[in-house]
């Protein structure tokens, strides 16, 4: 029986589909934006932390990344990711690993990507799996940023999406752990609303004096239509 029975069970993209019946968190705009926005130039291998149903891993492979290690602590979500990968065109390119990323020994990769837990407030979800996916635990921002250099090759990058309220924390943790913010995209639902998310790329061994590329993205116009930049960014994935 589904743990979230009222939601859409299968999300269909142009070149693959993901079942998220058992995965604690539904496929979200956050993941799609991150997977479409992140630079994959020169990336042959990646690590997907908290992979869920495998959407980011599949998006990376569609964009040409040769191999992805997808790490997921929730066994049911990992089984679902394995099934999604097996039915995709990249079944041989993604290894789904079940376990806690904070105690796993990773090989070096060109990219680490994650849509991490957002809230460190007390757990309020009645569904423990959803609570684990939505609240910061051991895989919090500090652990991700401090651990990324050990997972990355020289010049490798960490890509993540966070609430805009976490921006100061991300900047501070980056400087503390010698990770340089090289790209940032502030995401607004529409031009009249305050920013809600930030997409980040942090680089290992980058020149800390070089200014980061700063972008802004509006998902919808004031008339509630998708913006041209959003459609252009996601057009390789969304069917409509």
C-alpha atoms as a PDB file:
ATOM      1  CA  UNK A   1       0.000   0.000   0.000  1.00  0.00           C
ATOM      2  CA  UNK A   2       1.273   3.460  -0.877  1.00  0.00           C
ATOM      3  CA  UNK A   3       2.551   5.622   1.941  1.00  0.00           C
ATOM      4  CA  UNK A   4       1.114   8.668   0.137  1.00  0.00           C
ATOM      5  CA  UNK A   5      -1.955   7.213  -1.612  1.00  0.00           C
ATOM      6  CA  UNK A   6      -3.448  10.476  -2.900  1.00  0.00           C
ATOM      7  CA  UNK A   7      -0.516  11.611  -5.016  1.00  0.00           C
ATOM      8  CA  UNK A   8       0.480  10.898  -8.596  1.00  0.00           C
ATOM      9  CA  UNK A   9       2.343   7.576  -8.693  1.00  0.00           C
ATOM     10  CA  UNK A  10       4.145   7.911 -12.022  1.00  0.00           C
ATOM     11  CA  UNK A  11       5.739  11.081 -13.362  1.00  0.00           C
ATOM     12  CA  UNK A  12       6.451  10.879 -17.092  1.00  0.00           C
ATOM     13  CA  UNK A  13       9.229  12.800 -18.779  1.00  0.00           C
ATOM     14  CA  UNK A  14      10.192  12.829 -22.456  1.00  0.00           C
ATOM     15  CA  UNK A  15      12.785  10.048 -22.225  1.00  0.00           C
ATOM     16  CA  UNK A  16      12.018   8.298 -18.936  1.00  0.00           C
ATOM     17  CA  UNK A  17       9.373   7.893 -16.262  1.00  0.00           C
ATOM     18  CA  UNK A  18       9.716   7.712 -12.499  1.00  0.00           C
ATOM     19  CA  UNK A  19       7.425   5.868 -10.157  1.00  0.00           C
ATOM     20  CA  UNK A  20       7.327   7.565  -6.751  1.00  0.00           C
ATOM     21  CA  UNK A  21       4.674   5.455  -5.074  1.00  0.00           C
ATOM     22  CA  UNK A  22       6.936   4.379  -2.189  1.00  0.00           C
ATOM     23  CA  UNK A  23       9.383   7.276  -2.186  1.00  0.00           C
ATOM     24  CA  UNK A  24       8.720   9.560   0.782  1.00  0.00           C
ATOM     25  CA  UNK A  25       8.857  12.761  -1.267  1.00  0.00           C
ATOM     26  CA  UNK A  26       7.016  13.411  -4.505  1.00  0.00           C
ATOM     27  CA  UNK A  27       8.888  14.465  -7.641  1.00  0.00           C
ATOM     28  CA  UNK A  28       9.204  18.219  -7.261  1.00  0.00           C
ATOM     29  CA  UNK A  29       9.945  21.329  -9.273  1.00  0.00           C
ATOM     30  CA  UNK A  30      13.036  21.768  -7.082  1.00  0.00           C
ATOM     31  CA  UNK A  31      14.620  18.553  -8.356  1.00  0.00           C
ATOM     32  CA  UNK A  32      13.675  19.206 -11.973  1.00  0.00           C
ATOM     33  CA  UNK A  33      15.125  22.717 -11.833  1.00  0.00           C
ATOM     34  CA  UNK A  34      18.355  21.519 -10.227  1.00  0.00           C
ATOM     35  CA  UNK A  35      18.793  18.633 -12.661  1.00  0.00           C
ATOM     36  CA  UNK A  36      18.195  20.875 -15.669  1.00  0.00           C
ATOM     37  CA  UNK A  37      20.234  23.859 -14.414  1.00  0.00           C
ATOM     38  CA  UNK A  38      23.407  22.226 -13.109  1.00  0.00           C
ATOM     39  CA  UNK A  39      26.375  22.370 -15.459  1.00  0.00           C
ATOM     40  CA  UNK A  40      27.512  18.952 -16.704  1.00  0.00           C
ATOM     41  CA  UNK A  41      30.403  20.200 -18.842  1.00  0.00           C
ATOM     42  CA  UNK A  42      33.314  17.831 -18.283  1.00  0.00           C
ATOM     43  CA  UNK A  43      31.307  15.651 -15.882  1.00  0.00           C
ATOM     44  CA  UNK A  44      31.778  11.933 -16.495  1.00  0.00           C
ATOM     45  CA  UNK A  45      30.816  10.702 -13.018  1.00  0.00           C
ATOM     46  CA  UNK A  46      28.507  11.967 -10.284  1.00  0.00           C
ATOM     47  CA  UNK A  47      27.212  11.161  -6.805  1.00  0.00           C
ATOM     48  CA  UNK A  48      23.524  11.749  -6.054  1.00  0.00           C
ATOM     49  CA  UNK A  49      23.025  12.152  -2.290  1.00  0.00           C
ATOM     50  CA  UNK A  50      19.542  11.318  -1.027  1.00  0.00           C
ATOM     51  CA  UNK A  51      18.526  10.065  -4.450  1.00  0.00           C
ATOM     52  CA  UNK A  52      14.902   9.263  -3.611  1.00  0.00           C
ATOM     53  CA  UNK A  53      13.193   7.785  -6.665  1.00  0.00           C
ATOM     54  CA  UNK A  54      16.277   8.517  -8.784  1.00  0.00           C
ATOM     55  CA  UNK A  55      15.091  11.552 -10.726  1.00  0.00           C
ATOM     56  CA  UNK A  56      18.324  13.565 -10.487  1.00  0.00           C
ATOM     57  CA  UNK A  57      20.446  10.557 -11.452  1.00  0.00           C
ATOM     58  CA  UNK A  58      18.264   9.935 -14.501  1.00  0.00           C
ATOM     59  CA  UNK A  59      18.349  13.586 -15.530  1.00  0.00           C
ATOM     60  CA  UNK A  60      22.142  13.637 -15.311  1.00  0.00           C
ATOM     61  CA  UNK A  61      22.427  10.545 -17.479  1.00  0.00           C
ATOM     62  CA  UNK A  62      20.042  11.988 -20.051  1.00  0.00           C
ATOM     63  CA  UNK A  63      22.344  15.012 -20.193  1.00  0.00           C
ATOM     64  CA  UNK A  64      25.363  12.816 -20.900  1.00  0.00           C
ATOM     65  CA  UNK A  65      26.926  11.946 -17.540  1.00  0.00           C
ATOM     66  CA  UNK A  66      28.461   8.498 -17.924  1.00  0.00           C
ATOM     67  CA  UNK A  67      28.016   7.098 -14.416  1.00  0.00           C
ATOM     68  CA  UNK A  68      26.072   8.065 -11.290  1.00  0.00           C
ATOM     69  CA  UNK A  69      26.191   6.569  -7.797  1.00  0.00           C
ATOM     70  CA  UNK A  70      22.743   7.164  -6.284  1.00  0.00           C
ATOM     71  CA  UNK A  71      22.755   6.986  -2.473  1.00  0.00           C
ATOM     72  CA  UNK A  72      19.438   6.554  -0.633  1.00  0.00           C
ATOM     73  CA  UNK A  73      18.895   5.762   3.058  1.00  0.00           C
ATOM     74  CA  UNK A  74      15.214   4.734   2.723  1.00  0.00           C
ATOM     75  CA  UNK A  75      15.149   1.106   1.573  1.00  0.00           C
ATOM     76  CA  UNK A  76      11.710   1.342  -0.050  1.00  0.00           C
ATOM     77  CA  UNK A  77      12.675   4.480  -1.963  1.00  0.00           C
ATOM     78  CA  UNK A  78      15.912   2.808  -3.061  1.00  0.00           C
ATOM     79  CA  UNK A  79      14.011  -0.217  -4.385  1.00  0.00           C
ATOM     80  CA  UNK A  80      11.776   2.168  -6.306  1.00  0.00           C
ATOM     81  CA  UNK A  81      14.836   3.972  -7.704  1.00  0.00           C
ATOM     82  CA  UNK A  82      16.315   0.634  -8.795  1.00  0.00           C
ATOM     83  CA  UNK A  83      13.107  -0.109 -10.689  1.00  0.00           C
ATOM     84  CA  UNK A  84      13.039   3.330 -12.309  1.00  0.00           C
ATOM     85  CA  UNK A  85      16.653   2.980 -13.401  1.00  0.00           C
ATOM     86  CA  UNK A  86      16.078  -0.532 -14.764  1.00  0.00           C
ATOM     87  CA  UNK A  87      13.258   0.724 -17.013  1.00  0.00           C
ATOM     88  CA  UNK A  88      15.246   3.711 -18.277  1.00  0.00           C
ATOM     89  CA  UNK A  89      17.706   3.947 -21.192  1.00  0.00           C
ATOM     90  CA  UNK A  90      20.573   4.226 -18.663  1.00  0.00           C
ATOM     91  CA  UNK A  91      20.170   1.020 -16.668  1.00  0.00           C
ATOM     92  CA  UNK A  92      23.902   0.301 -16.832  1.00  0.00           C
ATOM     93  CA  UNK A  93      24.990   3.808 -15.899  1.00  0.00           C
ATOM     94  CA  UNK A  94      23.401   4.249 -12.447  1.00  0.00           C
ATOM     95  CA  UNK A  95      24.279   2.286  -9.312  1.00  0.00           C
ATOM     96  CA  UNK A  96      21.700   2.668  -6.547  1.00  0.00           C
ATOM     97  CA  UNK A  97      23.245   2.167  -3.098  1.00  0.00           C
ATOM     98  CA  UNK A  98      21.062   1.666  -0.016  1.00  0.00           C
ATOM     99  CA  UNK A  99      22.494   3.202   3.123  1.00  0.00           C
ATOM    100  CA  UNK A 100      23.414   6.296   5.104  1.00  0.00           C
ATOM    101  CA  UNK A 101      25.565   8.679   3.064  1.00  0.00           C
ATOM    102  CA  UNK A 102      27.200  10.000   6.235  1.00  0.00           C
ATOM    103  CA  UNK A 103      28.837   6.621   6.909  1.00  0.00           C
ATOM    104  CA  UNK A 104      29.494   5.540   3.322  1.00  0.00           C
ATOM    105  CA  UNK A 105      32.909   5.607   1.632  1.00  0.00           C
ATOM    106  CA  UNK A 106      32.575   7.178  -1.802  1.00  0.00           C
ATOM    107  CA  UNK A 107      34.997   7.189  -4.703  1.00  0.00           C
ATOM    108  CA  UNK A 108      35.989  10.467  -6.331  1.00  0.00           C
ATOM    109  CA  UNK A 109      33.513  12.048  -8.744  1.00  0.00           C
ATOM    110  CA  UNK A 110      33.307  15.160 -10.905  1.00  0.00           C
ATOM    111  CA  UNK A 111      29.972  16.232  -9.428  1.00  0.00           C
ATOM    112  CA  UNK A 112      28.040  15.769  -6.201  1.00  0.00           C
ATOM    113  CA  UNK A 113      24.370  16.689  -6.498  1.00  0.00           C
ATOM    114  CA  UNK A 114      21.629  16.758  -3.877  1.00  0.00           C
ATOM    115  CA  UNK A 115      18.153  18.033  -3.117  1.00  0.00           C
ATOM    116  CA  UNK A 116      18.779  17.844   0.630  1.00  0.00           C
ATOM    117  CA  UNK A 117      16.488  17.888   3.665  1.00  0.00           C
ATOM    118  CA  UNK A 118      15.334  21.445   4.328  1.00  0.00           C
ATOM    119  CA  UNK A 119      13.930  21.770   7.808  1.00  0.00           C
ATOM    120  CA  UNK A 120      15.748  21.315  11.111  1.00  0.00           C
ATOM    121  CA  UNK A 121      12.621  22.038  13.169  1.00  0.00           C
ATOM    122  CA  UNK A 122      11.077  19.234  15.281  1.00  0.00           C
ATOM    123  CA  UNK A 123       9.574  16.452  13.201  1.00  0.00           C
ATOM    124  CA  UNK A 124       5.892  17.006  12.618  1.00  0.00           C
ATOM    125  CA  UNK A 125       5.039  14.683   9.734  1.00  0.00           C
ATOM    126  CA  UNK A 126       2.962  11.641  10.727  1.00  0.00           C
ATOM    127  CA  UNK A 127       4.833   9.658   8.093  1.00  0.00           C
ATOM    128  CA  UNK A 128       8.322   8.864   9.383  1.00  0.00           C
ATOM    129  CA  UNK A 129       9.798   8.357   5.925  1.00  0.00           C
ATOM    130  CA  UNK A 130       8.477  11.727   4.769  1.00  0.00           C
ATOM    131  CA  UNK A 131       9.752  13.318   7.962  1.00  0.00           C
ATOM    132  CA  UNK A 132      13.219  11.855   7.391  1.00  0.00           C
ATOM    133  CA  UNK A 133      13.228  13.175   3.823  1.00  0.00           C
ATOM    134  CA  UNK A 134      12.030  16.681   4.747  1.00  0.00           C
ATOM    135  CA  UNK A 135      13.910  17.436   7.963  1.00  0.00           C
ATOM    136  CA  UNK A 136      17.611  17.883   8.454  1.00  0.00           C
ATOM    137  CA  UNK A 137      19.260  15.030  10.268  1.00  0.00           C
ATOM    138  CA  UNK A 138      22.823  13.825   9.909  1.00  0.00           C
ATOM    139  CA  UNK A 139      22.864  14.769   6.188  1.00  0.00           C
ATOM    140  CA  UNK A 140      22.489  18.476   6.881  1.00  0.00           C
ATOM    141  CA  UNK A 141      23.986  21.434   5.013  1.00  0.00           C
ATOM    142  CA  UNK A 142      27.143  21.431   7.119  1.00  0.00           C
ATOM    143  CA  UNK A 143      27.791  17.728   6.549  1.00  0.00           C
ATOM    144  CA  UNK A 144      27.161  18.025   2.804  1.00  0.00           C
ATOM    145  CA  UNK A 145      29.467  20.987   2.279  1.00  0.00           C
ATOM    146  CA  UNK A 146      32.210  19.788   4.637  1.00  0.00           C
ATOM    147  CA  UNK A 147      32.168  16.280   3.132  1.00  0.00           C
ATOM    148  CA  UNK A 148      31.973  17.263  -0.534  1.00  0.00           C
ATOM    149  CA  UNK A 149      35.719  17.930  -1.044  1.00  0.00           C
ATOM    150  CA  UNK A 150      36.527  14.310  -0.119  1.00  0.00           C
ATOM    151  CA  UNK A 151      34.064  13.068  -2.752  1.00  0.00           C
ATOM    152  CA  UNK A 152      35.248  15.373  -5.526  1.00  0.00           C
ATOM    153  CA  UNK A 153      38.138  15.279  -7.924  1.00  0.00           C
ATOM    154  CA  UNK A 154      40.255  18.415  -8.350  1.00  0.00           C
ATOM    155  CA  UNK A 155      37.973  21.101  -9.766  1.00  0.00           C
ATOM    156  CA  UNK A 156      34.827  19.079  -9.041  1.00  0.00           C
ATOM    157  CA  UNK A 157      31.569  20.728  -8.053  1.00  0.00           C
ATOM    158  CA  UNK A 158      28.771  20.360  -5.527  1.00  0.00           C
ATOM    159  CA  UNK A 159      25.270  21.275  -6.775  1.00  0.00           C
ATOM    160  CA  UNK A 160      22.327  21.672  -4.437  1.00  0.00           C
ATOM    161  CA  UNK A 161      19.001  23.444  -3.941  1.00  0.00           C
ATOM    162  CA  UNK A 162      18.119  25.187  -0.681  1.00  0.00           C
ATOM    163  CA  UNK A 163      15.511  27.576   0.710  1.00  0.00           C
ATOM    164  CA  UNK A 164      16.508  31.183   0.148  1.00  0.00           C
ATOM    165  CA  UNK A 165      16.569  31.622   3.945  1.00  0.00           C
ATOM    166  CA  UNK A 166      19.595  29.302   4.091  1.00  0.00           C
ATOM    167  CA  UNK A 167      21.714  31.518   1.812  1.00  0.00           C
ATOM    168  CA  UNK A 168      23.839  33.082   4.548  1.00  0.00           C
ATOM    169  CA  UNK A 169      24.484  29.652   6.061  1.00  0.00           C
ATOM    170  CA  UNK A 170      25.542  28.211   2.698  1.00  0.00           C
ATOM    171  CA  UNK A 171      27.907  31.133   2.048  1.00  0.00           C
ATOM    172  CA  UNK A 172      29.454  30.813   5.506  1.00  0.00           C
ATOM    173  CA  UNK A 173      29.844  27.022   5.360  1.00  0.00           C
ATOM    174  CA  UNK A 174      31.371  27.283   1.903  1.00  0.00           C
ATOM    175  CA  UNK A 175      34.068  29.687   3.059  1.00  0.00           C
ATOM    176  CA  UNK A 176      34.674  27.603   6.180  1.00  0.00           C
ATOM    177  CA  UNK A 177      35.265  24.399   4.203  1.00  0.00           C
ATOM    178  CA  UNK A 178      37.150  25.869   1.228  1.00  0.00           C
ATOM    179  CA  UNK A 179      34.330  25.397  -1.235  1.00  0.00           C
ATOM    180  CA  UNK A 180      33.817  28.353  -3.560  1.00  0.00           C
ATOM    181  CA  UNK A 181      30.382  29.449  -4.742  1.00  0.00           C
ATOM    182  CA  UNK A 182      30.822  29.662  -8.517  1.00  0.00           C
ATOM    183  CA  UNK A 183      27.166  29.748  -9.666  1.00  0.00           C
ATOM    184  CA  UNK A 184      23.954  30.779  -7.959  1.00  0.00           C
ATOM    185  CA  UNK A 185      20.392  31.015  -9.265  1.00  0.00           C
ATOM    186  CA  UNK A 186      17.678  32.663  -7.186  1.00  0.00           C
ATOM    187  CA  UNK A 187      14.265  31.169  -7.996  1.00  0.00           C
ATOM    188  CA  UNK A 188      10.970  33.086  -7.767  1.00  0.00           C
ATOM    189  CA  UNK A 189       7.533  31.572  -8.293  1.00  0.00           C
ATOM    190  CA  UNK A 190       6.651  34.787 -10.167  1.00  0.00           C
ATOM    191  CA  UNK A 191       8.097  38.328 -10.302  1.00  0.00           C
ATOM    192  CA  UNK A 192       5.780  39.617  -7.569  1.00  0.00           C
ATOM    193  CA  UNK A 193       6.682  36.976  -5.019  1.00  0.00           C
ATOM    194  CA  UNK A 194       9.762  36.797  -2.854  1.00  0.00           C
ATOM    195  CA  UNK A 195      12.422  34.305  -3.842  1.00  0.00           C
ATOM    196  CA  UNK A 196      11.796  30.840  -2.406  1.00  0.00           C
ATOM    197  CA  UNK A 197      14.732  28.682  -3.555  1.00  0.00           C
ATOM    198  CA  UNK A 198      18.378  29.047  -4.520  1.00  0.00           C
ATOM    199  CA  UNK A 199      20.263  26.706  -6.851  1.00  0.00           C
ATOM    200  CA  UNK A 200      23.959  26.470  -6.001  1.00  0.00           C
ATOM    201  CA  UNK A 201      27.195  25.249  -7.538  1.00  0.00           C
ATOM    202  CA  UNK A 202      30.195  25.139  -5.212  1.00  0.00           C
ATOM    203  CA  UNK A 203      33.612  24.215  -6.565  1.00  0.00           C
ATOM    204  CA  UNK A 204      36.553  22.502  -4.966  1.00  0.00           C
ATOM    205  CA  UNK A 205      39.928  24.200  -5.540  1.00  0.00           C
ATOM    206  CA  UNK A 206      38.419  27.211  -7.324  1.00  0.00           C
ATOM    207  CA  UNK A 207      39.803  30.724  -7.100  1.00  0.00           C
ATOM    208  CA  UNK A 208      37.946  32.217  -4.136  1.00  0.00           C
ATOM    209  CA  UNK A 209      38.463  35.733  -5.502  1.00  0.00           C
ATOM    210  CA  UNK A 210      36.511  35.076  -8.708  1.00  0.00           C
ATOM    211  CA  UNK A 211      32.965  36.413  -8.500  1.00  0.00           C
ATOM    212  CA  UNK A 212      30.185  33.846  -8.749  1.00  0.00           C
ATOM    213  CA  UNK A 213      27.808  33.792 -11.708  1.00  0.00           C
ATOM    214  CA  UNK A 214      24.519  35.127 -10.329  1.00  0.00           C
ATOM    215  CA  UNK A 215      21.242  34.336 -12.080  1.00  0.00           C
ATOM    216  CA  UNK A 216      17.558  34.831 -11.401  1.00  0.00           C
ATOM    217  CA  UNK A 217      14.704  32.630 -12.606  1.00  0.00           C
ATOM    218  CA  UNK A 218      10.978  33.282 -12.526  1.00  0.00           C
ATOM    219  CA  UNK A 219       8.926  30.117 -12.970  1.00  0.00           C
ATOM    220  CA  UNK A 220       5.719  31.928 -13.951  1.00  0.00           C
ATOM    221  CA  UNK A 221       4.738  35.343 -15.228  1.00  0.00           C
ATOM    222  CA  UNK A 222       2.384  37.659 -13.387  1.00  0.00           C
ATOM    223  CA  UNK A 223      -0.414  36.219 -15.528  1.00  0.00           C
ATOM    224  CA  UNK A 224       0.466  32.730 -14.222  1.00  0.00           C
ATOM    225  CA  UNK A 225       1.962  31.464 -17.493  1.00  0.00           C
ATOM    226  CA  UNK A 226       5.283  29.623 -17.510  1.00  0.00           C
ATOM    227  CA  UNK A 227       8.103  31.982 -18.408  1.00  0.00           C
ATOM    228  CA  UNK A 228      10.191  31.509 -21.540  1.00  0.00           C
ATOM    229  CA  UNK A 229      13.339  30.915 -19.479  1.00  0.00           C
ATOM    230  CA  UNK A 230      11.654  28.206 -17.399  1.00  0.00           C
ATOM    231  CA  UNK A 231      10.263  26.466 -20.484  1.00  0.00           C
ATOM    232  CA  UNK A 232      13.648  26.684 -22.192  1.00  0.00           C
ATOM    233  CA  UNK A 233      15.470  25.299 -19.152  1.00  0.00           C
ATOM    234  CA  UNK A 234      13.156  22.302 -18.701  1.00  0.00           C
ATOM    235  CA  UNK A 235      12.160  21.631 -22.329  1.00  0.00           C
ATOM    236  CA  UNK A 236      14.371  18.535 -22.692  1.00  0.00           C
ATOM    237  CA  UNK A 237      12.468  16.858 -19.855  1.00  0.00           C
ATOM    238  CA  UNK A 238       8.858  17.943 -19.540  1.00  0.00           C
ATOM    239  CA  UNK A 239       6.466  16.474 -22.090  1.00  0.00           C
ATOM    240  CA  UNK A 240       4.385  19.679 -22.072  1.00  0.00           C
END
